[in-house]
């Protein structure tokens, strides 16, 4: 069996939002979760973020993907120097622990995190 690894060559971010305070990002995250969106917070390279990849639901997007190009509809992020397995959002109803995935081993998302930091 032959296994071929073809990493993403180009990632297009259509929109990004930098939150000055981590709590603002957590509030945004809590709203998405309350609406039933399947989202998770990620951490890499000193940033905590959530991203929304465009699903491969059209022939054009599939073609782009096969050529090594991926699209993110949006990325929301804040700076967070050190990884923590969870962060706490303090809502009026009480504290809500939010798990954070350490994606430092994902080369693509590390590059995204570096790019996001450079935008600040």
PDB file of N, CA and C in Angstrom:
ATOM      1  N   UNK A   1       0.835  -1.175   0.000  1.00  0.00           N
ATOM      2  CA  UNK A   1       0.000   0.000   0.000  1.00  0.00           C
ATOM      3  C   UNK A   1       0.883   1.243   0.000  1.00  0.00           C
ATOM      4  N   UNK A   2       0.498   2.226  -0.779  1.00  0.00           N
ATOM      5  CA  UNK A   2       1.206   3.488  -0.856  1.00  0.00           C
ATOM      6  C   UNK A   2       0.365   4.556  -0.162  1.00  0.00           C
ATOM      7  N   UNK A   3       0.986   5.294   0.725  1.00  0.00           N
ATOM      8  CA  UNK A   3       0.301   6.386   1.418  1.00  0.00           C
ATOM      9  C   UNK A   3       0.969   7.682   1.007  1.00  0.00           C
ATOM     10  N   UNK A   4       0.152   8.637   0.605  1.00  0.00           N
ATOM     11  CA  UNK A   4       0.658   9.932   0.165  1.00  0.00           C
ATOM     12  C   UNK A   4       0.090  11.007   1.084  1.00  0.00           C
ATOM     13  N   UNK A   5       0.942  11.845   1.583  1.00  0.00           N
ATOM     14  CA  UNK A   5       0.518  12.977   2.404  1.00  0.00           C
ATOM     15  C   UNK A   5       0.586  14.240   1.559  1.00  0.00           C
ATOM     16  N   UNK A   6      -0.529  14.916   1.411  1.00  0.00           N
ATOM     17  CA  UNK A   6      -0.590  16.158   0.661  1.00  0.00           C
ATOM     18  C   UNK A   6      -1.173  17.253   1.547  1.00  0.00           C
ATOM     19  N   UNK A   7      -0.320  17.992   2.218  1.00  0.00           N
ATOM     20  CA  UNK A   7      -0.832  19.031   3.110  1.00  0.00           C
ATOM     21  C   UNK A   7      -1.496  20.167   2.326  1.00  0.00           C
ATOM     22  N   UNK A   8      -2.322  20.908   3.015  1.00  0.00           N
ATOM     23  CA  UNK A   8      -2.947  22.090   2.440  1.00  0.00           C
ATOM     24  C   UNK A   8      -1.837  23.057   2.021  1.00  0.00           C
ATOM     25  N   UNK A   9      -1.912  23.547   0.823  1.00  0.00           N
ATOM     26  CA  UNK A   9      -0.905  24.487   0.326  1.00  0.00           C
ATOM     27  C   UNK A   9      -1.318  25.935   0.555  1.00  0.00           C
ATOM     28  N   UNK A  10      -2.622  26.166   0.584  1.00  0.00           N
ATOM     29  CA  UNK A  10      -3.118  27.527   0.716  1.00  0.00           C
ATOM     30  C   UNK A  10      -4.427  27.508   1.499  1.00  0.00           C
ATOM     31  N   UNK A  11      -4.523  28.424   2.439  1.00  0.00           N
ATOM     32  CA  UNK A  11      -5.744  28.542   3.232  1.00  0.00           C
ATOM     33  C   UNK A  11      -6.240  29.980   3.094  1.00  0.00           C
ATOM     34  N   UNK A  12      -7.487  30.132   2.721  1.00  0.00           N
ATOM     35  CA  UNK A  12      -8.081  31.451   2.522  1.00  0.00           C
ATOM     36  C   UNK A  12      -9.027  31.718   3.694  1.00  0.00           C
ATOM     37  N   UNK A  13      -8.762  32.799   4.411  1.00  0.00           N
ATOM     38  CA  UNK A  13      -9.635  33.223   5.510  1.00  0.00           C
ATOM     39  C   UNK A  13     -10.452  34.392   4.992  1.00  0.00           C
ATOM     40  N   UNK A  14     -11.764  34.212   4.922  1.00  0.00           N
ATOM     41  CA  UNK A  14     -12.623  35.249   4.358  1.00  0.00           C
ATOM     42  C   UNK A  14     -12.883  36.385   5.348  1.00  0.00           C
ATOM     43  N   UNK A  15     -12.882  36.083   6.647  1.00  0.00           N
ATOM     44  CA  UNK A  15     -13.122  37.113   7.654  1.00  0.00           C
ATOM     45  C   UNK A  15     -12.495  36.678   8.969  1.00  0.00           C
ATOM     46  N   UNK A  16     -11.978  37.645   9.721  1.00  0.00           N
ATOM     47  CA  UNK A  16     -11.474  37.327  11.050  1.00  0.00           C
ATOM     48  C   UNK A  16     -11.823  38.455  12.009  1.00  0.00           C
ATOM     49  N   UNK A  17     -11.970  38.071  13.277  1.00  0.00           N
ATOM     50  CA  UNK A  17     -12.278  39.030  14.332  1.00  0.00           C
ATOM     51  C   UNK A  17     -11.319  38.781  15.482  1.00  0.00           C
ATOM     52  N   UNK A  18     -10.598  39.824  15.874  1.00  0.00           N
ATOM     53  CA  UNK A  18      -9.735  39.732  17.043  1.00  0.00           C
ATOM     54  C   UNK A  18     -10.461  40.355  18.220  1.00  0.00           C
ATOM     55  N   UNK A  19     -10.606  39.579  19.280  1.00  0.00           N
ATOM     56  CA  UNK A  19     -11.192  40.077  20.521  1.00  0.00           C
ATOM     57  C   UNK A  19     -10.060  40.554  21.422  1.00  0.00           C
ATOM     58  N   UNK A  20     -10.175  41.750  21.913  1.00  0.00           N
ATOM     59  CA  UNK A  20      -9.149  42.312  22.798  1.00  0.00           C
ATOM     60  C   UNK A  20      -9.103  41.592  24.139  1.00  0.00           C
ATOM     61  N   UNK A  21     -10.277  41.104  24.577  1.00  0.00           N
ATOM     62  CA  UNK A  21     -10.350  40.391  25.860  1.00  0.00           C
ATOM     63  C   UNK A  21     -10.846  38.976  25.625  1.00  0.00           C
ATOM     64  N   UNK A  22     -10.226  38.038  26.316  1.00  0.00           N
ATOM     65  CA  UNK A  22     -10.617  36.636  26.218  1.00  0.00           C
ATOM     66  C   UNK A  22     -12.092  36.456  26.557  1.00  0.00           C
ATOM     67  N   UNK A  23     -12.582  37.184  27.560  1.00  0.00           N
ATOM     68  CA  UNK A  23     -13.991  37.056  27.952  1.00  0.00           C
ATOM     69  C   UNK A  23     -14.944  37.363  26.801  1.00  0.00           C
ATOM     70  N   UNK A  24     -14.574  38.299  25.940  1.00  0.00           N
ATOM     71  CA  UNK A  24     -15.430  38.625  24.798  1.00  0.00           C
ATOM     72  C   UNK A  24     -15.509  37.455  23.819  1.00  0.00           C
ATOM     73  N   UNK A  25     -14.382  36.781  23.597  1.00  0.00           N
ATOM     74  CA  UNK A  25     -14.391  35.588  22.748  1.00  0.00           C
ATOM     75  C   UNK A  25     -15.230  34.492  23.394  1.00  0.00           C
ATOM     76  N   UNK A  26     -15.081  34.319  24.710  1.00  0.00           N
ATOM     77  CA  UNK A  26     -15.846  33.285  25.410  1.00  0.00           C
ATOM     78  C   UNK A  26     -17.338  33.561  25.343  1.00  0.00           C
ATOM     79  N   UNK A  27     -17.727  34.830  25.433  1.00  0.00           N
ATOM     80  CA  UNK A  27     -19.142  35.193  25.308  1.00  0.00           C
ATOM     81  C   UNK A  27     -19.654  34.800  23.922  1.00  0.00           C
ATOM     82  N   UNK A  28     -18.886  35.130  22.896  1.00  0.00           N
ATOM     83  CA  UNK A  28     -19.262  34.783  21.529  1.00  0.00           C
ATOM     84  C   UNK A  28     -19.400  33.268  21.383  1.00  0.00           C
ATOM     85  N   UNK A  29     -18.446  32.540  21.946  1.00  0.00           N
ATOM     86  CA  UNK A  29     -18.474  31.075  21.916  1.00  0.00           C
ATOM     87  C   UNK A  29     -19.719  30.545  22.615  1.00  0.00           C
ATOM     88  N   UNK A  30     -20.030  31.095  23.778  1.00  0.00           N
ATOM     89  CA  UNK A  30     -21.199  30.650  24.552  1.00  0.00           C
ATOM     90  C   UNK A  30     -22.486  30.858  23.758  1.00  0.00           C
ATOM     91  N   UNK A  31     -22.569  31.951  23.001  1.00  0.00           N
ATOM     92  CA  UNK A  31     -23.763  32.203  22.185  1.00  0.00           C
ATOM     93  C   UNK A  31     -23.906  31.155  21.089  1.00  0.00           C
ATOM     94  N   UNK A  32     -22.814  30.776  20.461  1.00  0.00           N
ATOM     95  CA  UNK A  32     -22.868  29.742  19.429  1.00  0.00           C
ATOM     96  C   UNK A  32     -23.285  28.400  20.019  1.00  0.00           C
ATOM     97  N   UNK A  33     -22.726  28.069  21.181  1.00  0.00           N
ATOM     98  CA  UNK A  33     -23.081  26.800  21.837  1.00  0.00           C
ATOM     99  C   UNK A  33     -24.553  26.795  22.243  1.00  0.00           C
ATOM    100  N   UNK A  34     -25.039  27.938  22.763  1.00  0.00           N
ATOM    101  CA  UNK A  34     -26.438  28.033  23.176  1.00  0.00           C
ATOM    102  C   UNK A  34     -27.379  27.857  21.981  1.00  0.00           C
ATOM    103  N   UNK A  35     -26.918  28.272  20.805  1.00  0.00           N
ATOM    104  CA  UNK A  35     -27.718  28.128  19.586  1.00  0.00           C
ATOM    105  C   UNK A  35     -27.610  26.729  18.993  1.00  0.00           C
ATOM    106  N   UNK A  36     -26.853  25.861  19.637  1.00  0.00           N
ATOM    107  CA  UNK A  36     -26.734  24.480  19.182  1.00  0.00           C
ATOM    108  C   UNK A  36     -25.665  24.243  18.138  1.00  0.00           C
ATOM    109  N   UNK A  37     -24.779  25.207  17.933  1.00  0.00           N
ATOM    110  CA  UNK A  37     -23.702  25.042  16.956  1.00  0.00           C
ATOM    111  C   UNK A  37     -22.622  24.110  17.513  1.00  0.00           C
ATOM    112  N   UNK A  38     -22.170  23.147  16.725  1.00  0.00           N
ATOM    113  CA  UNK A  38     -21.093  22.252  17.178  1.00  0.00           C
ATOM    114  C   UNK A  38     -19.731  22.913  16.996  1.00  0.00           C
ATOM    115  N   UNK A  39     -19.291  23.660  17.985  1.00  0.00           N
ATOM    116  CA  UNK A  39     -18.029  24.392  17.890  1.00  0.00           C
ATOM    117  C   UNK A  39     -17.122  24.019  19.048  1.00  0.00           C
ATOM    118  N   UNK A  40     -15.833  24.215  18.854  1.00  0.00           N
ATOM    119  CA  UNK A  40     -14.880  24.002  19.931  1.00  0.00           C
ATOM    120  C   UNK A  40     -13.833  25.100  19.872  1.00  0.00           C
ATOM    121  N   UNK A  41     -13.232  25.385  21.008  1.00  0.00           N
ATOM    122  CA  UNK A  41     -12.149  26.354  21.054  1.00  0.00           C
ATOM    123  C   UNK A  41     -10.829  25.629  20.861  1.00  0.00           C
ATOM    124  N   UNK A  42      -9.947  26.252  20.128  1.00  0.00           N
ATOM    125  CA  UNK A  42      -8.641  25.670  19.822  1.00  0.00           C
ATOM    126  C   UNK A  42      -7.556  26.611  20.304  1.00  0.00           C
ATOM    127  N   UNK A  43      -6.391  26.036  20.608  1.00  0.00           N
ATOM    128  CA  UNK A  43      -5.244  26.831  21.013  1.00  0.00           C
ATOM    129  C   UNK A  43      -4.018  26.368  20.246  1.00  0.00           C
ATOM    130  N   UNK A  44      -3.231  27.338  19.795  1.00  0.00           N
ATOM    131  CA  UNK A  44      -1.915  27.078  19.187  1.00  0.00           C
ATOM    132  C   UNK A  44      -1.158  28.394  19.144  1.00  0.00           C
ATOM    133  N   UNK A  45       0.136  28.335  19.317  1.00  0.00           N
ATOM    134  CA  UNK A  45       1.024  29.483  19.113  1.00  0.00           C
ATOM    135  C   UNK A  45       0.578  30.755  19.847  1.00  0.00           C
ATOM    136  N   UNK A  46       0.034  30.595  21.049  1.00  0.00           N
ATOM    137  CA  UNK A  46      -0.328  31.771  21.836  1.00  0.00           C
ATOM    138  C   UNK A  46      -1.645  32.413  21.462  1.00  0.00           C
ATOM    139  N   UNK A  47      -2.462  31.694  20.696  1.00  0.00           N
ATOM    140  CA  UNK A  47      -3.794  32.201  20.364  1.00  0.00           C
ATOM    141  C   UNK A  47      -4.848  31.166  20.706  1.00  0.00           C
ATOM    142  N   UNK A  48      -5.999  31.655  21.103  1.00  0.00           N
ATOM    143  CA  UNK A  48      -7.161  30.791  21.312  1.00  0.00           C
ATOM    144  C   UNK A  48      -8.175  31.234  20.263  1.00  0.00           C
ATOM    145  N   UNK A  49      -8.732  30.284  19.543  1.00  0.00           N
ATOM    146  CA  UNK A  49      -9.564  30.652  18.404  1.00  0.00           C
ATOM    147  C   UNK A  49     -10.611  29.604  18.091  1.00  0.00           C
ATOM    148  N   UNK A  50     -11.598  30.042  17.330  1.00  0.00           N
ATOM    149  CA  UNK A  50     -12.542  29.110  16.746  1.00  0.00           C
ATOM    150  C   UNK A  50     -12.662  29.494  15.282  1.00  0.00           C
ATOM    151  N   UNK A  51     -12.760  28.475  14.462  1.00  0.00           N
ATOM    152  CA  UNK A  51     -12.824  28.721  13.029  1.00  0.00           C
ATOM    153  C   UNK A  51     -13.985  27.960  12.425  1.00  0.00           C
ATOM    154  N   UNK A  52     -14.416  28.453  11.289  1.00  0.00           N
ATOM    155  CA  UNK A  52     -15.514  27.824  10.570  1.00  0.00           C
ATOM    156  C   UNK A  52     -15.057  27.579   9.135  1.00  0.00           C
ATOM    157  N   UNK A  53     -14.777  26.329   8.835  1.00  0.00           N
ATOM    158  CA  UNK A  53     -14.359  25.974   7.477  1.00  0.00           C
ATOM    159  C   UNK A  53     -15.587  25.888   6.577  1.00  0.00           C
ATOM    160  N   UNK A  54     -15.439  26.353   5.338  1.00  0.00           N
ATOM    161  CA  UNK A  54     -16.532  26.186   4.388  1.00  0.00           C
ATOM    162  C   UNK A  54     -16.659  24.699   4.070  1.00  0.00           C
ATOM    163  N   UNK A  55     -17.843  24.140   4.210  1.00  0.00           N
ATOM    164  CA  UNK A  55     -18.000  22.710   3.921  1.00  0.00           C
ATOM    165  C   UNK A  55     -17.833  22.425   2.433  1.00  0.00           C
ATOM    166  N   UNK A  56     -17.332  21.267   2.137  1.00  0.00           N
ATOM    167  CA  UNK A  56     -17.087  20.875   0.746  1.00  0.00           C
ATOM    168  C   UNK A  56     -18.391  20.385   0.118  1.00  0.00           C
ATOM    169  N   UNK A  57     -19.299  21.319  -0.113  1.00  0.00           N
ATOM    170  CA  UNK A  57     -20.640  20.967  -0.590  1.00  0.00           C
ATOM    171  C   UNK A  57     -20.888  21.343  -2.047  1.00  0.00           C
ATOM    172  N   UNK A  58     -19.902  21.943  -2.691  1.00  0.00           N
ATOM    173  CA  UNK A  58     -20.058  22.262  -4.110  1.00  0.00           C
ATOM    174  C   UNK A  58     -18.880  21.674  -4.882  1.00  0.00           C
ATOM    175  N   UNK A  59     -19.107  21.453  -6.156  1.00  0.00           N
ATOM    176  CA  UNK A  59     -18.033  20.919  -7.001  1.00  0.00           C
ATOM    177  C   UNK A  59     -16.830  21.850  -7.014  1.00  0.00           C
ATOM    178  N   UNK A  60     -17.080  23.158  -7.023  1.00  0.00           N
ATOM    179  CA  UNK A  60     -15.981  24.126  -7.070  1.00  0.00           C
ATOM    180  C   UNK A  60     -15.123  24.050  -5.806  1.00  0.00           C
ATOM    181  N   UNK A  61     -15.767  23.944  -4.633  1.00  0.00           N
ATOM    182  CA  UNK A  61     -15.002  23.847  -3.386  1.00  0.00           C
ATOM    183  C   UNK A  61     -14.228  22.534  -3.307  1.00  0.00           C
ATOM    184  N   UNK A  62     -14.830  21.461  -3.762  1.00  0.00           N
ATOM    185  CA  UNK A  62     -14.132  20.172  -3.779  1.00  0.00           C
ATOM    186  C   UNK A  62     -12.929  20.251  -4.709  1.00  0.00           C
ATOM    187  N   UNK A  63     -13.108  20.867  -5.867  1.00  0.00           N
ATOM    188  CA  UNK A  63     -11.998  21.018  -6.818  1.00  0.00           C
ATOM    189  C   UNK A  63     -10.856  21.831  -6.201  1.00  0.00           C
ATOM    190  N   UNK A  64     -11.211  22.934  -5.534  1.00  0.00           N
ATOM    191  CA  UNK A  64     -10.209  23.767  -4.875  1.00  0.00           C
ATOM    192  C   UNK A  64      -9.474  22.964  -3.790  1.00  0.00           C
ATOM    193  N   UNK A  65     -10.233  22.212  -3.021  1.00  0.00           N
ATOM    194  CA  UNK A  65      -9.641  21.405  -1.947  1.00  0.00           C
ATOM    195  C   UNK A  65      -8.656  20.385  -2.507  1.00  0.00           C
ATOM    196  N   UNK A  66      -9.042  19.717  -3.574  1.00  0.00           N
ATOM    197  CA  UNK A  66      -8.161  18.719  -4.180  1.00  0.00           C
ATOM    198  C   UNK A  66      -6.896  19.348  -4.753  1.00  0.00           C
ATOM    199  N   UNK A  67      -6.949  20.633  -5.044  1.00  0.00           N
ATOM    200  CA  UNK A  67      -5.766  21.355  -5.524  1.00  0.00           C
ATOM    201  C   UNK A  67      -4.950  21.937  -4.369  1.00  0.00           C
ATOM    202  N   UNK A  68      -5.395  21.693  -3.131  1.00  0.00           N
ATOM    203  CA  UNK A  68      -4.615  22.127  -1.976  1.00  0.00           C
ATOM    204  C   UNK A  68      -5.061  23.428  -1.349  1.00  0.00           C
ATOM    205  N   UNK A  69      -6.251  23.915  -1.696  1.00  0.00           N
ATOM    206  CA  UNK A  69      -6.746  25.183  -1.154  1.00  0.00           C
ATOM    207  C   UNK A  69      -7.972  24.912  -0.275  1.00  0.00           C
ATOM    208  N   UNK A  70      -7.936  25.477   0.920  1.00  0.00           N
ATOM    209  CA  UNK A  70      -9.026  25.334   1.880  1.00  0.00           C
ATOM    210  C   UNK A  70      -9.539  26.716   2.232  1.00  0.00           C
ATOM    211  N   UNK A  71     -10.839  26.825   2.490  1.00  0.00           N
ATOM    212  CA  UNK A  71     -11.443  28.102   2.841  1.00  0.00           C
ATOM    213  C   UNK A  71     -12.016  28.065   4.248  1.00  0.00           C
ATOM    214  N   UNK A  72     -11.703  29.104   5.018  1.00  0.00           N
ATOM    215  CA  UNK A  72     -12.361  29.338   6.304  1.00  0.00           C
ATOM    216  C   UNK A  72     -13.298  30.521   6.090  1.00  0.00           C
ATOM    217  N   UNK A  73     -14.570  30.342   6.423  1.00  0.00           N
ATOM    218  CA  UNK A  73     -15.527  31.442   6.313  1.00  0.00           C
ATOM    219  C   UNK A  73     -15.181  32.514   7.332  1.00  0.00           C
ATOM    220  N   UNK A  74     -14.748  32.083   8.510  1.00  0.00           N
ATOM    221  CA  UNK A  74     -14.409  33.054   9.536  1.00  0.00           C
ATOM    222  C   UNK A  74     -13.574  32.451  10.645  1.00  0.00           C
ATOM    223  N   UNK A  75     -12.823  33.328  11.301  1.00  0.00           N
ATOM    224  CA  UNK A  75     -12.022  32.941  12.458  1.00  0.00           C
ATOM    225  C   UNK A  75     -12.181  34.041  13.503  1.00  0.00           C
ATOM    226  N   UNK A  76     -12.492  33.636  14.724  1.00  0.00           N
ATOM    227  CA  UNK A  76     -12.542  34.561  15.857  1.00  0.00           C
ATOM    228  C   UNK A  76     -11.436  34.147  16.808  1.00  0.00           C
ATOM    229  N   UNK A  77     -10.696  35.150  17.342  1.00  0.00           N
ATOM    230  CA  UNK A  77      -9.570  34.768  18.187  1.00  0.00           C
ATOM    231  C   UNK A  77      -9.260  35.838  19.223  1.00  0.00           C
ATOM    232  N   UNK A  78      -8.488  35.404  20.204  1.00  0.00           N
ATOM    233  CA  UNK A  78      -7.918  36.286  21.219  1.00  0.00           C
ATOM    234  C   UNK A  78      -6.541  35.733  21.548  1.00  0.00           C
ATOM    235  N   UNK A  79      -5.708  36.557  22.130  1.00  0.00           N
ATOM    236  CA  UNK A  79      -4.393  36.086  22.536  1.00  0.00           C
ATOM    237  C   UNK A  79      -4.492  35.387  23.886  1.00  0.00           C
ATOM    238  N   UNK A  80      -3.786  34.278  24.024  1.00  0.00           N
ATOM    239  CA  UNK A  80      -3.711  33.532  25.281  1.00  0.00           C
ATOM    240  C   UNK A  80      -2.348  32.851  25.281  1.00  0.00           C
ATOM    241  N   UNK A  81      -1.403  33.430  26.011  1.00  0.00           N
ATOM    242  CA  UNK A  81      -0.010  32.990  25.934  1.00  0.00           C
ATOM    243  C   UNK A  81       0.195  31.510  26.187  1.00  0.00           C
ATOM    244  N   UNK A  82      -0.377  31.012  27.272  1.00  0.00           N
ATOM    245  CA  UNK A  82      -0.131  29.621  27.653  1.00  0.00           C
ATOM    246  C   UNK A  82      -1.385  28.780  27.491  1.00  0.00           C
ATOM    247  N   UNK A  83      -1.168  27.552  27.046  1.00  0.00           N
ATOM    248  CA  UNK A  83      -2.280  26.617  26.885  1.00  0.00           C
ATOM    249  C   UNK A  83      -2.865  26.240  28.240  1.00  0.00           C
ATOM    250  N   UNK A  84      -4.193  26.174  28.285  1.00  0.00           N
ATOM    251  CA  UNK A  84      -4.934  25.658  29.432  1.00  0.00           C
ATOM    252  C   UNK A  84      -5.973  24.688  28.884  1.00  0.00           C
ATOM    253  N   UNK A  85      -6.165  23.538  29.521  1.00  0.00           N
ATOM    254  CA  UNK A  85      -7.128  22.567  28.999  1.00  0.00           C
ATOM    255  C   UNK A  85      -8.574  23.052  29.063  1.00  0.00           C
ATOM    256  N   UNK A  86      -8.827  24.082  29.862  1.00  0.00           N
ATOM    257  CA  UNK A  86     -10.163  24.673  29.883  1.00  0.00           C
ATOM    258  C   UNK A  86     -10.063  26.118  30.347  1.00  0.00           C
ATOM    259  N   UNK A  87     -11.057  26.893  29.962  1.00  0.00           N
ATOM    260  CA  UNK A  87     -11.193  28.272  30.409  1.00  0.00           C
ATOM    261  C   UNK A  87     -12.604  28.418  30.965  1.00  0.00           C
ATOM    262  N   UNK A  88     -12.824  29.431  31.761  1.00  0.00           N
ATOM    263  CA  UNK A  88     -14.119  29.610  32.407  1.00  0.00           C
ATOM    264  C   UNK A  88     -14.783  30.884  31.905  1.00  0.00           C
ATOM    265  N   UNK A  89     -16.022  30.734  31.434  1.00  0.00           N
ATOM    266  CA  UNK A  89     -16.833  31.887  31.072  1.00  0.00           C
ATOM    267  C   UNK A  89     -17.772  32.171  32.236  1.00  0.00           C
ATOM    268  N   UNK A  90     -17.716  33.385  32.739  1.00  0.00           N
ATOM    269  CA  UNK A  90     -18.548  33.768  33.877  1.00  0.00           C
ATOM    270  C   UNK A  90     -19.816  34.435  33.355  1.00  0.00           C
ATOM    271  N   UNK A  91     -20.878  33.638  33.247  1.00  0.00           N
ATOM    272  CA  UNK A  91     -22.156  34.140  32.756  1.00  0.00           C
ATOM    273  C   UNK A  91     -23.015  34.598  33.936  1.00  0.00           C
ATOM    274  N   UNK A  92     -24.092  35.328  33.664  1.00  0.00           N
ATOM    275  CA  UNK A  92     -25.004  35.699  34.755  1.00  0.00           C
ATOM    276  C   UNK A  92     -25.604  34.480  35.470  1.00  0.00           C
ATOM    277  N   UNK A  93     -25.650  33.346  34.772  1.00  0.00           N
ATOM    278  CA  UNK A  93     -26.192  32.122  35.369  1.00  0.00           C
ATOM    279  C   UNK A  93     -25.139  31.330  36.143  1.00  0.00           C
ATOM    280  N   UNK A  94     -23.899  31.738  36.067  1.00  0.00           N
ATOM    281  CA  UNK A  94     -22.833  31.040  36.775  1.00  0.00           C
ATOM    282  C   UNK A  94     -21.644  30.761  35.868  1.00  0.00           C
ATOM    283  N   UNK A  95     -20.660  30.108  36.407  1.00  0.00           N
ATOM    284  CA  UNK A  95     -19.446  29.804  35.651  1.00  0.00           C
ATOM    285  C   UNK A  95     -19.652  28.603  34.734  1.00  0.00           C
ATOM    286  N   UNK A  96     -19.166  28.743  33.518  1.00  0.00           N
ATOM    287  CA  UNK A  96     -19.276  27.671  32.528  1.00  0.00           C
ATOM    288  C   UNK A  96     -17.863  27.289  32.089  1.00  0.00           C
ATOM    289  N   UNK A  97     -17.412  26.073  32.436  1.00  0.00           N
ATOM    290  CA  UNK A  97     -16.090  25.647  31.955  1.00  0.00           C
ATOM    291  C   UNK A  97     -16.163  25.302  30.464  1.00  0.00           C
ATOM    292  N   UNK A  98     -15.170  25.758  29.721  1.00  0.00           N
ATOM    293  CA  UNK A  98     -15.125  25.518  28.278  1.00  0.00           C
ATOM    294  C   UNK A  98     -13.831  24.790  27.954  1.00  0.00           C
ATOM    295  N   UNK A  99     -13.941  23.583  27.388  1.00  0.00           N
ATOM    296  CA  UNK A  99     -12.719  22.857  27.034  1.00  0.00           C
ATOM    297  C   UNK A  99     -11.985  23.533  25.873  1.00  0.00           C
ATOM    298  N   UNK A 100     -10.672  23.423  25.909  1.00  0.00           N
ATOM    299  CA  UNK A 100      -9.814  23.990  24.867  1.00  0.00           C
ATOM    300  C   UNK A 100      -8.918  22.875  24.344  1.00  0.00           C
ATOM    301  N   UNK A 101      -8.904  22.722  23.031  1.00  0.00           N
ATOM    302  CA  UNK A 101      -8.073  21.698  22.415  1.00  0.00           C
ATOM    303  C   UNK A 101      -6.712  22.284  22.059  1.00  0.00           C
ATOM    304  N   UNK A 102      -5.655  21.616  22.472  1.00  0.00           N
ATOM    305  CA  UNK A 102      -4.295  22.040  22.128  1.00  0.00           C
ATOM    306  C   UNK A 102      -3.959  21.477  20.746  1.00  0.00           C
ATOM    307  N   UNK A 103      -3.886  22.351  19.765  1.00  0.00           N
ATOM    308  CA  UNK A 103      -3.620  21.909  18.400  1.00  0.00           C
ATOM    309  C   UNK A 103      -2.215  22.280  17.936  1.00  0.00           C
ATOM    310  N   UNK A 104      -1.301  22.351  18.888  1.00  0.00           N
ATOM    311  CA  UNK A 104       0.087  22.687  18.573  1.00  0.00           C
ATOM    312  C   UNK A 104       0.739  21.688  17.624  1.00  0.00           C
ATOM    313  N   UNK A 105       0.207  20.497  17.536  1.00  0.00           N
ATOM    314  CA  UNK A 105       0.801  19.492  16.652  1.00  0.00           C
ATOM    315  C   UNK A 105       0.232  19.563  15.239  1.00  0.00           C
ATOM    316  N   UNK A 106      -0.751  20.426  15.010  1.00  0.00           N
ATOM    317  CA  UNK A 106      -1.334  20.568  13.683  1.00  0.00           C
ATOM    318  C   UNK A 106      -0.617  21.704  12.945  1.00  0.00           C
ATOM    319  N   UNK A 107       0.171  21.345  11.953  1.00  0.00           N
ATOM    320  CA  UNK A 107       0.983  22.337  11.247  1.00  0.00           C
ATOM    321  C   UNK A 107       0.134  23.427  10.601  1.00  0.00           C
ATOM    322  N   UNK A 108      -0.963  23.049  10.007  1.00  0.00           N
ATOM    323  CA  UNK A 108      -1.821  24.027   9.333  1.00  0.00           C
ATOM    324  C   UNK A 108      -2.373  25.037  10.326  1.00  0.00           C
ATOM    325  N   UNK A 109      -2.935  24.559  11.441  1.00  0.00           N
ATOM    326  CA  UNK A 109      -3.532  25.475  12.403  1.00  0.00           C
ATOM    327  C   UNK A 109      -2.480  26.279  13.161  1.00  0.00           C
ATOM    328  N   UNK A 110      -1.271  25.755  13.298  1.00  0.00           N
ATOM    329  CA  UNK A 110      -0.182  26.564  13.869  1.00  0.00           C
ATOM    330  C   UNK A 110       0.150  27.730  12.947  1.00  0.00           C
ATOM    331  N   UNK A 111       0.150  27.490  11.649  1.00  0.00           N
ATOM    332  CA  UNK A 111       0.399  28.572  10.700  1.00  0.00           C
ATOM    333  C   UNK A 111      -0.728  29.599  10.747  1.00  0.00           C
ATOM    334  N   UNK A 112      -1.968  29.123  10.886  1.00  0.00           N
ATOM    335  CA  UNK A 112      -3.107  30.040  11.022  1.00  0.00           C
ATOM    336  C   UNK A 112      -2.925  30.896  12.272  1.00  0.00           C
ATOM    337  N   UNK A 113      -2.565  30.267  13.388  1.00  0.00           N
ATOM    338  CA  UNK A 113      -2.384  30.998  14.644  1.00  0.00           C
ATOM    339  C   UNK A 113      -1.275  32.050  14.520  1.00  0.00           C
ATOM    340  N   UNK A 114      -0.176  31.691  13.884  1.00  0.00           N
ATOM    341  CA  UNK A 114       0.914  32.657  13.673  1.00  0.00           C
ATOM    342  C   UNK A 114       0.437  33.835  12.830  1.00  0.00           C
ATOM    343  N   UNK A 115      -0.327  33.537  11.790  1.00  0.00           N
ATOM    344  CA  UNK A 115      -0.839  34.591  10.927  1.00  0.00           C
ATOM    345  C   UNK A 115      -1.782  35.510  11.717  1.00  0.00           C
ATOM    346  N   UNK A 116      -2.655  34.908  12.510  1.00  0.00           N
ATOM    347  CA  UNK A 116      -3.580  35.714  13.318  1.00  0.00           C
ATOM    348  C   UNK A 116      -2.835  36.649  14.263  1.00  0.00           C
ATOM    349  N   UNK A 117      -1.807  36.120  14.937  1.00  0.00           N
ATOM    350  CA  UNK A 117      -1.020  36.966  15.845  1.00  0.00           C
ATOM    351  C   UNK A 117      -0.374  38.123  15.113  1.00  0.00           C
ATOM    352  N   UNK A 118       0.046  37.882  13.903  1.00  0.00           N
ATOM    353  CA  UNK A 118       0.697  38.934  13.115  1.00  0.00           C
ATOM    354  C   UNK A 118      -0.278  40.041  12.711  1.00  0.00           C
ATOM    355  N   UNK A 119      -1.582  39.767  12.792  1.00  0.00           N
ATOM    356  CA  UNK A 119      -2.574  40.754  12.413  1.00  0.00           C
ATOM    357  C   UNK A 119      -2.866  41.735  13.558  1.00  0.00           C
ATOM    358  N   UNK A 120      -2.300  41.498  14.727  1.00  0.00           N
ATOM    359  CA  UNK A 120      -2.615  42.352  15.878  1.00  0.00           C
ATOM    360  C   UNK A 120      -1.701  43.548  15.948  1.00  0.00           C
TER     361      UNK A 120
END
